[in-house]
């Protein structure tokens, strides 16, 4: 159970690093502001990056992988729902990671 939390926290850290690089590349190309300005895509851009991250890393595998989103499959959409659920879970672990690192810092500082 704890290894699952640690893995999801690490995946959230990796996702934030990838998103930072993608944002800087898109801003350099002058497309970042355009994407963020689109009504539907701009507000959900982090979910889109997380979904593409899940697809690129193949976290869920072909049914034999880690399958973090298997029990949280969205609307019974099969593999797509499992990937969206995994992306949502990774995004949800970003603030949890921040809280865990803050708690560790306070505990170590004593």
C-alpha atoms as a PDB file:
ATOM      1  CA  UNK A   1       0.000   0.000   0.000  1.00  0.00           C
ATOM      2  CA  UNK A   2       2.747   2.427   0.941  1.00  0.00           C
ATOM      3  CA  UNK A   3       4.673   1.590  -2.218  1.00  0.00           C
ATOM      4  CA  UNK A   4       1.606   2.588  -4.236  1.00  0.00           C
ATOM      5  CA  UNK A   5       1.500   5.983  -2.519  1.00  0.00           C
ATOM      6  CA  UNK A   6       5.214   6.523  -3.028  1.00  0.00           C
ATOM      7  CA  UNK A   7       4.962   5.502  -6.680  1.00  0.00           C
ATOM      8  CA  UNK A   8       2.073   7.897  -7.272  1.00  0.00           C
ATOM      9  CA  UNK A   9       3.933  10.711  -5.506  1.00  0.00           C
ATOM     10  CA  UNK A  10       6.999  10.078  -7.669  1.00  0.00           C
ATOM     11  CA  UNK A  11       4.839   9.982 -10.794  1.00  0.00           C
ATOM     12  CA  UNK A  12       3.351  13.339  -9.761  1.00  0.00           C
ATOM     13  CA  UNK A  13       6.865  14.731  -9.403  1.00  0.00           C
ATOM     14  CA  UNK A  14       7.827  13.417 -12.828  1.00  0.00           C
ATOM     15  CA  UNK A  15       4.665  14.849 -14.327  1.00  0.00           C
ATOM     16  CA  UNK A  16       5.408  18.279 -12.897  1.00  0.00           C
ATOM     17  CA  UNK A  17       8.891  18.156 -14.394  1.00  0.00           C
ATOM     18  CA  UNK A  18       7.569  17.123 -17.791  1.00  0.00           C
ATOM     19  CA  UNK A  19       4.880  19.818 -17.708  1.00  0.00           C
ATOM     20  CA  UNK A  20       7.455  22.477 -16.811  1.00  0.00           C
ATOM     21  CA  UNK A  21       9.583  21.502 -19.809  1.00  0.00           C
ATOM     22  CA  UNK A  22       6.546  21.345 -22.119  1.00  0.00           C
ATOM     23  CA  UNK A  23       5.318  24.752 -20.929  1.00  0.00           C
ATOM     24  CA  UNK A  24       8.712  26.336 -21.525  1.00  0.00           C
ATOM     25  CA  UNK A  25       8.955  24.821 -25.012  1.00  0.00           C
ATOM     26  CA  UNK A  26       5.426  25.933 -25.896  1.00  0.00           C
ATOM     27  CA  UNK A  27       6.058  29.427 -24.533  1.00  0.00           C
ATOM     28  CA  UNK A  28       9.290  29.627 -26.528  1.00  0.00           C
ATOM     29  CA  UNK A  29       7.381  28.642 -29.670  1.00  0.00           C
ATOM     30  CA  UNK A  30       4.653  31.164 -28.824  1.00  0.00           C
ATOM     31  CA  UNK A  31       1.930  28.532 -28.614  1.00  0.00           C
ATOM     32  CA  UNK A  32       1.587  28.274 -24.813  1.00  0.00           C
ATOM     33  CA  UNK A  33      -0.609  31.341 -24.436  1.00  0.00           C
ATOM     34  CA  UNK A  34      -2.748  30.226 -27.364  1.00  0.00           C
ATOM     35  CA  UNK A  35      -3.388  26.794 -25.825  1.00  0.00           C
ATOM     36  CA  UNK A  36      -4.173  28.266 -22.411  1.00  0.00           C
ATOM     37  CA  UNK A  37      -6.582  30.708 -24.034  1.00  0.00           C
ATOM     38  CA  UNK A  38      -8.759  28.038 -25.666  1.00  0.00           C
ATOM     39  CA  UNK A  39     -12.017  27.677 -23.705  1.00  0.00           C
ATOM     40  CA  UNK A  40     -12.172  23.901 -23.288  1.00  0.00           C
ATOM     41  CA  UNK A  41      -8.504  22.963 -23.515  1.00  0.00           C
ATOM     42  CA  UNK A  42      -7.005  25.816 -21.481  1.00  0.00           C
ATOM     43  CA  UNK A  43      -8.821  25.008 -18.258  1.00  0.00           C
ATOM     44  CA  UNK A  44      -8.089  21.285 -18.581  1.00  0.00           C
ATOM     45  CA  UNK A  45      -4.542  21.492 -19.913  1.00  0.00           C
ATOM     46  CA  UNK A  46      -3.019  19.837 -16.844  1.00  0.00           C
ATOM     47  CA  UNK A  47      -5.391  16.879 -17.236  1.00  0.00           C
ATOM     48  CA  UNK A  48      -4.476  16.640 -20.916  1.00  0.00           C
ATOM     49  CA  UNK A  49      -0.746  16.590 -20.064  1.00  0.00           C
ATOM     50  CA  UNK A  50      -1.377  13.998 -17.333  1.00  0.00           C
ATOM     51  CA  UNK A  51      -3.344  11.806 -19.763  1.00  0.00           C
ATOM     52  CA  UNK A  52      -0.577  12.017 -22.362  1.00  0.00           C
ATOM     53  CA  UNK A  53       1.947  11.232 -19.593  1.00  0.00           C
ATOM     54  CA  UNK A  54      -0.016   8.094 -18.677  1.00  0.00           C
ATOM     55  CA  UNK A  55      -0.159   7.043 -22.324  1.00  0.00           C
ATOM     56  CA  UNK A  56       3.558   7.691 -22.858  1.00  0.00           C
ATOM     57  CA  UNK A  57       4.656   5.818 -19.743  1.00  0.00           C
ATOM     58  CA  UNK A  58       2.124   3.001 -20.267  1.00  0.00           C
ATOM     59  CA  UNK A  59       1.482   2.844 -16.533  1.00  0.00           C
ATOM     60  CA  UNK A  60      -1.627   0.716 -16.871  1.00  0.00           C
ATOM     61  CA  UNK A  61      -0.001  -1.696 -19.309  1.00  0.00           C
ATOM     62  CA  UNK A  62      -2.127  -4.048 -21.345  1.00  0.00           C
ATOM     63  CA  UNK A  63      -4.098  -5.269 -18.390  1.00  0.00           C
ATOM     64  CA  UNK A  64      -0.974  -6.773 -16.835  1.00  0.00           C
ATOM     65  CA  UNK A  65       0.632  -3.526 -15.670  1.00  0.00           C
ATOM     66  CA  UNK A  66       0.247  -1.597 -12.451  1.00  0.00           C
ATOM     67  CA  UNK A  67      -3.381  -0.719 -13.262  1.00  0.00           C
ATOM     68  CA  UNK A  68      -3.783   2.120 -10.749  1.00  0.00           C
ATOM     69  CA  UNK A  69      -6.961   3.311 -12.430  1.00  0.00           C
ATOM     70  CA  UNK A  70      -8.515  -0.137 -12.851  1.00  0.00           C
ATOM     71  CA  UNK A  71     -10.772   0.137  -9.828  1.00  0.00           C
ATOM     72  CA  UNK A  72     -11.576   3.769 -10.632  1.00  0.00           C
ATOM     73  CA  UNK A  73     -12.485   3.266 -14.277  1.00  0.00           C
ATOM     74  CA  UNK A  74     -14.454   6.291 -15.435  1.00  0.00           C
ATOM     75  CA  UNK A  75     -17.955   5.545 -16.767  1.00  0.00           C
ATOM     76  CA  UNK A  76     -17.026   2.049 -17.929  1.00  0.00           C
ATOM     77  CA  UNK A  77     -14.987   3.350 -20.864  1.00  0.00           C
ATOM     78  CA  UNK A  78     -12.462   0.512 -20.810  1.00  0.00           C
ATOM     79  CA  UNK A  79      -8.806   1.370 -21.331  1.00  0.00           C
ATOM     80  CA  UNK A  80      -9.541   5.054 -22.029  1.00  0.00           C
ATOM     81  CA  UNK A  81     -11.439   5.345 -18.735  1.00  0.00           C
ATOM     82  CA  UNK A  82      -8.647   3.572 -16.884  1.00  0.00           C
ATOM     83  CA  UNK A  83      -6.064   5.975 -18.346  1.00  0.00           C
ATOM     84  CA  UNK A  84      -8.176   9.037 -17.515  1.00  0.00           C
ATOM     85  CA  UNK A  85      -8.687   7.762 -13.966  1.00  0.00           C
ATOM     86  CA  UNK A  86      -4.941   7.200 -13.565  1.00  0.00           C
ATOM     87  CA  UNK A  87      -4.247  10.726 -14.857  1.00  0.00           C
ATOM     88  CA  UNK A  88      -6.737  12.134 -12.347  1.00  0.00           C
ATOM     89  CA  UNK A  89      -5.155  10.142  -9.529  1.00  0.00           C
ATOM     90  CA  UNK A  90      -1.665  11.391 -10.431  1.00  0.00           C
ATOM     91  CA  UNK A  91      -2.941  14.987 -10.499  1.00  0.00           C
ATOM     92  CA  UNK A  92      -4.585  14.444  -7.117  1.00  0.00           C
ATOM     93  CA  UNK A  93      -1.279  13.291  -5.630  1.00  0.00           C
ATOM     94  CA  UNK A  94       0.555  16.541  -6.459  1.00  0.00           C
ATOM     95  CA  UNK A  95      -0.795  18.426  -3.380  1.00  0.00           C
ATOM     96  CA  UNK A  96      -0.371  15.278  -1.278  1.00  0.00           C
ATOM     97  CA  UNK A  97       3.291  15.223  -2.288  1.00  0.00           C
ATOM     98  CA  UNK A  98       3.675  18.861  -1.260  1.00  0.00           C
ATOM     99  CA  UNK A  99       2.105  18.120   2.126  1.00  0.00           C
ATOM    100  CA  UNK A 100       4.268  15.021   2.648  1.00  0.00           C
ATOM    101  CA  UNK A 101       7.472  16.892   1.825  1.00  0.00           C
ATOM    102  CA  UNK A 102       6.445  19.737   4.144  1.00  0.00           C
ATOM    103  CA  UNK A 103       5.699  17.272   6.970  1.00  0.00           C
ATOM    104  CA  UNK A 104       9.030  15.510   6.436  1.00  0.00           C
ATOM    105  CA  UNK A 105      10.832  18.855   6.496  1.00  0.00           C
ATOM    106  CA  UNK A 106       9.203  19.801   9.776  1.00  0.00           C
ATOM    107  CA  UNK A 107       9.960  16.415  11.304  1.00  0.00           C
ATOM    108  CA  UNK A 108      13.591  16.421  10.200  1.00  0.00           C
ATOM    109  CA  UNK A 109      14.063  20.012  11.343  1.00  0.00           C
ATOM    110  CA  UNK A 110      13.387  19.160  14.989  1.00  0.00           C
END
